[in-house]
Amino acid sequence: MIRLIEQHGAIEIWQVDGEFYVYGVTDSGDPRVCPSLGMAREVAAQPAPMREAQS
């Protein structure tokens, strides 16, 4: 089941089969995948310069 959990401006948290996808937090547009809603909320709350994962 796919459902929108939260939306704050351009940031969205979706739940898909027990995982949480956070959209709007990377420069590439790819989602960040988190195992819990709490972790997804932490990712969504990070300041913009820290959002993109370092390679």
PDB file of N, CA and C in Angstrom:
ATOM      1  N   MET A   1       0.842  -1.182   0.000  1.00  0.00           N
ATOM      2  CA  MET A   1       0.000   0.000   0.000  1.00  0.00           C
ATOM      3  C   MET A   1       0.880   1.236   0.000  1.00  0.00           C
ATOM      4  N   ILE A   2       0.508   2.210  -0.799  1.00  0.00           N
ATOM      5  CA  ILE A   2       1.238   3.465  -0.905  1.00  0.00           C
ATOM      6  C   ILE A   2       0.336   4.573  -0.374  1.00  0.00           C
ATOM      7  N   ARG A   3       0.904   5.377   0.563  1.00  0.00           N
ATOM      8  CA  ARG A   3       0.101   6.502   1.047  1.00  0.00           C
ATOM      9  C   ARG A   3       0.994   7.665   1.460  1.00  0.00           C
ATOM     10  N   LEU A   4       0.471   8.856   1.236  1.00  0.00           N
ATOM     11  CA  LEU A   4       1.152  10.079   1.637  1.00  0.00           C
ATOM     12  C   LEU A   4       0.953  10.259   3.128  1.00  0.00           C
ATOM     13  N   ILE A   5       2.059  10.363   3.865  1.00  0.00           N
ATOM     14  CA  ILE A   5       2.000  10.520   5.317  1.00  0.00           C
ATOM     15  C   ILE A   5       1.991  11.992   5.701  1.00  0.00           C
ATOM     16  N   GLU A   6       2.926  12.761   5.141  1.00  0.00           N
ATOM     17  CA  GLU A   6       3.038  14.192   5.467  1.00  0.00           C
ATOM     18  C   GLU A   6       3.529  14.957   4.258  1.00  0.00           C
ATOM     19  N   GLN A   7       3.144  16.227   4.198  1.00  0.00           N
ATOM     20  CA  GLN A   7       3.666  17.123   3.175  1.00  0.00           C
ATOM     21  C   GLN A   7       3.880  18.488   3.806  1.00  0.00           C
ATOM     22  N   HIS A   8       5.097  19.016   3.634  1.00  0.00           N
ATOM     23  CA  HIS A   8       5.451  20.345   4.136  1.00  0.00           C
ATOM     24  C   HIS A   8       6.155  21.065   3.000  1.00  0.00           C
ATOM     25  N   GLY A   9       5.445  21.912   2.306  1.00  0.00           N
ATOM     26  CA  GLY A   9       6.020  22.575   1.142  1.00  0.00           C
ATOM     27  C   GLY A   9       6.367  21.544   0.091  1.00  0.00           C
ATOM     28  N   ALA A  10       7.638  21.551  -0.343  1.00  0.00           N
ATOM     29  CA  ALA A  10       8.090  20.618  -1.378  1.00  0.00           C
ATOM     30  C   ALA A  10       8.516  19.264  -0.810  1.00  0.00           C
ATOM     31  N   ILE A  11       8.517  19.116   0.498  1.00  0.00           N
ATOM     32  CA  ILE A  11       8.968  17.865   1.122  1.00  0.00           C
ATOM     33  C   ILE A  11       7.769  16.964   1.408  1.00  0.00           C
ATOM     34  N   GLU A  12       7.864  15.723   0.940  1.00  0.00           N
ATOM     35  CA  GLU A  12       6.794  14.754   1.141  1.00  0.00           C
ATOM     36  C   GLU A  12       7.363  13.479   1.748  1.00  0.00           C
ATOM     37  N   ILE A  13       6.604  12.861   2.636  1.00  0.00           N
ATOM     38  CA  ILE A  13       6.951  11.556   3.202  1.00  0.00           C
ATOM     39  C   ILE A  13       5.862  10.579   2.789  1.00  0.00           C
ATOM     40  N   TRP A  14       6.279   9.534   2.076  1.00  0.00           N
ATOM     41  CA  TRP A  14       5.365   8.505   1.613  1.00  0.00           C
ATOM     42  C   TRP A  14       5.711   7.187   2.294  1.00  0.00           C
ATOM     43  N   GLN A  15       4.680   6.394   2.606  1.00  0.00           N
ATOM     44  CA  GLN A  15       4.897   5.050   3.150  1.00  0.00           C
ATOM     45  C   GLN A  15       4.589   4.043   2.052  1.00  0.00           C
ATOM     46  N   VAL A  16       5.568   3.163   1.809  1.00  0.00           N
ATOM     47  CA  VAL A  16       5.419   2.115   0.799  1.00  0.00           C
ATOM     48  C   VAL A  16       5.884   0.801   1.414  1.00  0.00           C
ATOM     49  N   ASP A  17       4.959  -0.106   1.658  1.00  0.00           N
ATOM     50  CA  ASP A  17       5.285  -1.438   2.182  1.00  0.00           C
ATOM     51  C   ASP A  17       6.207  -1.401   3.398  1.00  0.00           C
ATOM     52  N   GLY A  18       5.923  -0.553   4.357  1.00  0.00           N
ATOM     53  CA  GLY A  18       6.684  -0.521   5.602  1.00  0.00           C
ATOM     54  C   GLY A  18       7.935   0.333   5.584  1.00  0.00           C
ATOM     55  N   GLU A  19       8.284   0.913   4.432  1.00  0.00           N
ATOM     56  CA  GLU A  19       9.418   1.829   4.356  1.00  0.00           C
ATOM     57  C   GLU A  19       8.881   3.233   4.095  1.00  0.00           C
ATOM     58  N   PHE A  20       9.676   4.221   4.464  1.00  0.00           N
ATOM     59  CA  PHE A  20       9.260   5.611   4.326  1.00  0.00           C
ATOM     60  C   PHE A  20      10.190   6.321   3.350  1.00  0.00           C
ATOM     61  N   TYR A  21       9.611   6.914   2.324  1.00  0.00           N
ATOM     62  CA  TYR A  21      10.353   7.600   1.282  1.00  0.00           C
ATOM     63  C   TYR A  21      10.173   9.100   1.473  1.00  0.00           C
ATOM     64  N   VAL A  22      11.291   9.816   1.573  1.00  0.00           N
ATOM     65  CA  VAL A  22      11.264  11.262   1.774  1.00  0.00           C
ATOM     66  C   VAL A  22      11.694  11.923   0.466  1.00  0.00           C
ATOM     67  N   TYR A  23      10.760  12.633  -0.145  1.00  0.00           N
ATOM     68  CA  TYR A  23      11.022  13.342  -1.398  1.00  0.00           C
ATOM     69  C   TYR A  23      11.223  14.820  -1.121  1.00  0.00           C
ATOM     70  N   GLY A  24      12.065  15.454  -1.959  1.00  0.00           N
ATOM     71  CA  GLY A  24      12.280  16.893  -1.851  1.00  0.00           C
ATOM     72  C   GLY A  24      13.459  17.273  -0.990  1.00  0.00           C
ATOM     73  N   VAL A  25      14.313  16.305  -0.642  1.00  0.00           N
ATOM     74  CA  VAL A  25      15.446  16.610   0.235  1.00  0.00           C
ATOM     75  C   VAL A  25      16.801  16.404  -0.437  1.00  0.00           C
ATOM     76  N   THR A  26      16.818  15.967  -1.690  1.00  0.00           N
ATOM     77  CA  THR A  26      18.098  15.796  -2.392  1.00  0.00           C
ATOM     78  C   THR A  26      18.109  16.665  -3.642  1.00  0.00           C
ATOM     79  N   ASP A  27      19.284  17.089  -4.036  1.00  0.00           N
ATOM     80  CA  ASP A  27      19.417  17.897  -5.251  1.00  0.00           C
ATOM     81  C   ASP A  27      19.030  17.107  -6.491  1.00  0.00           C
ATOM     82  N   SER A  28      19.264  15.794  -6.472  1.00  0.00           N
ATOM     83  CA  SER A  28      18.988  14.956  -7.634  1.00  0.00           C
ATOM     84  C   SER A  28      17.497  14.658  -7.806  1.00  0.00           C
ATOM     85  N   GLY A  29      16.721  14.851  -6.752  1.00  0.00           N
ATOM     86  CA  GLY A  29      15.303  14.524  -6.809  1.00  0.00           C
ATOM     87  C   GLY A  29      14.983  13.108  -6.368  1.00  0.00           C
ATOM     88  N   ASP A  30      16.029  12.316  -6.120  1.00  0.00           N
ATOM     89  CA  ASP A  30      15.820  10.954  -5.643  1.00  0.00           C
ATOM     90  C   ASP A  30      15.336  10.991  -4.194  1.00  0.00           C
ATOM     91  N   PRO A  31      14.510  10.029  -3.808  1.00  0.00           N
ATOM     92  CA  PRO A  31      14.051  10.003  -2.418  1.00  0.00           C
ATOM     93  C   PRO A  31      15.095   9.408  -1.488  1.00  0.00           C
ATOM     94  N   ARG A  32      15.020   9.746  -0.235  1.00  0.00           N
ATOM     95  CA  ARG A  32      15.787   9.070   0.815  1.00  0.00           C
ATOM     96  C   ARG A  32      14.857   8.037   1.413  1.00  0.00           C
ATOM     97  N   VAL A  33      15.330   6.818   1.595  1.00  0.00           N
ATOM     98  CA  VAL A  33      14.510   5.731   2.130  1.00  0.00           C
ATOM     99  C   VAL A  33      14.882   5.514   3.590  1.00  0.00           C
ATOM    100  N   CYS A  34      13.868   5.482   4.459  1.00  0.00           N
ATOM    101  CA  CYS A  34      14.074   5.337   5.899  1.00  0.00           C
ATOM    102  C   CYS A  34      13.226   4.175   6.421  1.00  0.00           C
ATOM    103  N   PRO A  35      13.725   3.465   7.448  1.00  0.00           N
ATOM    104  CA  PRO A  35      12.983   2.326   7.987  1.00  0.00           C
ATOM    105  C   PRO A  35      11.860   2.696   8.955  1.00  0.00           C
ATOM    106  N   SER A  36      11.815   3.970   9.397  1.00  0.00           N
ATOM    107  CA  SER A  36      10.765   4.361  10.345  1.00  0.00           C
ATOM    108  C   SER A  36      10.307   5.784  10.048  1.00  0.00           C
ATOM    109  N   LEU A  37       9.107   6.100  10.516  1.00  0.00           N
ATOM    110  CA  LEU A  37       8.571   7.444  10.332  1.00  0.00           C
ATOM    111  C   LEU A  37       9.414   8.470  11.087  1.00  0.00           C
ATOM    112  N   GLY A  38       9.894   8.112  12.264  1.00  0.00           N
ATOM    113  CA  GLY A  38      10.736   9.019  13.038  1.00  0.00           C
ATOM    114  C   GLY A  38      12.001   9.405  12.285  1.00  0.00           C
ATOM    115  N   MET A  39      12.640   8.432  11.669  1.00  0.00           N
ATOM    116  CA  MET A  39      13.849   8.717  10.891  1.00  0.00           C
ATOM    117  C   MET A  39      13.508   9.560   9.665  1.00  0.00           C
ATOM    118  N   ALA A  40      12.383   9.276   9.025  1.00  0.00           N
ATOM    119  CA  ALA A  40      11.966  10.059   7.859  1.00  0.00           C
ATOM    120  C   ALA A  40      11.731  11.517   8.257  1.00  0.00           C
ATOM    121  N   ARG A  41      11.131  11.725   9.405  1.00  0.00           N
ATOM    122  CA  ARG A  41      10.900  13.097   9.879  1.00  0.00           C
ATOM    123  C   ARG A  41      12.216  13.802  10.181  1.00  0.00           C
ATOM    124  N   GLU A  42      13.194  13.084  10.716  1.00  0.00           N
ATOM    125  CA  GLU A  42      14.508  13.684  10.971  1.00  0.00           C
ATOM    126  C   GLU A  42      15.177  14.096   9.672  1.00  0.00           C
ATOM    127  N   VAL A  43      15.117  13.239   8.657  1.00  0.00           N
ATOM    128  CA  VAL A  43      15.697  13.559   7.349  1.00  0.00           C
ATOM    129  C   VAL A  43      15.004  14.791   6.769  1.00  0.00           C
ATOM    130  N   ALA A  44      13.689  14.841   6.864  1.00  0.00           N
ATOM    131  CA  ALA A  44      12.920  15.966   6.318  1.00  0.00           C
ATOM    132  C   ALA A  44      13.224  17.273   7.048  1.00  0.00           C
ATOM    133  N   ALA A  45      13.613  17.195   8.304  1.00  0.00           N
ATOM    134  CA  ALA A  45      13.858  18.393   9.109  1.00  0.00           C
ATOM    135  C   ALA A  45      15.280  18.919   9.014  1.00  0.00           C
ATOM    136  N   GLN A  46      16.168  18.211   8.324  1.00  0.00           N
ATOM    137  CA  GLN A  46      17.561  18.650   8.226  1.00  0.00           C
ATOM    138  C   GLN A  46      17.645  19.954   7.441  1.00  0.00           C
ATOM    139  N   PRO A  47      18.575  20.824   7.818  1.00  0.00           N
ATOM    140  CA  PRO A  47      18.779  22.069   7.054  1.00  0.00           C
ATOM    141  C   PRO A  47      19.169  21.747   5.615  1.00  0.00           C
ATOM    142  N   ALA A  48      18.760  22.573   4.703  1.00  0.00           N
ATOM    143  CA  ALA A  48      18.968  22.340   3.272  1.00  0.00           C
ATOM    144  C   ALA A  48      20.399  21.989   2.869  1.00  0.00           C
ATOM    145  N   PRO A  49      21.456  22.677   3.341  1.00  0.00           N
ATOM    146  CA  PRO A  49      22.815  22.324   2.894  1.00  0.00           C
ATOM    147  C   PRO A  49      23.243  20.915   3.302  1.00  0.00           C
ATOM    148  N   MET A  50      22.653  20.338   4.338  1.00  0.00           N
ATOM    149  CA  MET A  50      23.059  19.022   4.813  1.00  0.00           C
ATOM    150  C   MET A  50      22.224  17.906   4.205  1.00  0.00           C
ATOM    151  N   ARG A  51      21.249  18.216   3.398  1.00  0.00           N
ATOM    152  CA  ARG A  51      20.328  17.202   2.899  1.00  0.00           C
ATOM    153  C   ARG A  51      20.985  16.197   1.967  1.00  0.00           C
ATOM    154  N   GLU A  52      21.790  16.649   1.035  1.00  0.00           N
ATOM    155  CA  GLU A  52      22.397  15.753   0.058  1.00  0.00           C
ATOM    156  C   GLU A  52      23.458  14.899   0.725  1.00  0.00           C
ATOM    157  N   ALA A  53      23.379  13.597   0.526  1.00  0.00           N
ATOM    158  CA  ALA A  53      24.358  12.681   1.103  1.00  0.00           C
ATOM    159  C   ALA A  53      25.719  12.918   0.452  1.00  0.00           C
ATOM    160  N   GLN A  54      26.754  12.855   1.235  1.00  0.00           N
ATOM    161  CA  GLN A  54      28.102  13.025   0.736  1.00  0.00           C
ATOM    162  C   GLN A  54      28.599  11.730   0.115  1.00  0.00           C
ATOM    163  N   SER A  55      29.228  11.824  -1.042  1.00  0.00           N
ATOM    164  CA  SER A  55      29.743  10.641  -1.734  1.00  0.00           C
ATOM    165  C   SER A  55      31.149  10.325  -1.292  1.00  0.00           C
TER     166      SER A  55
END
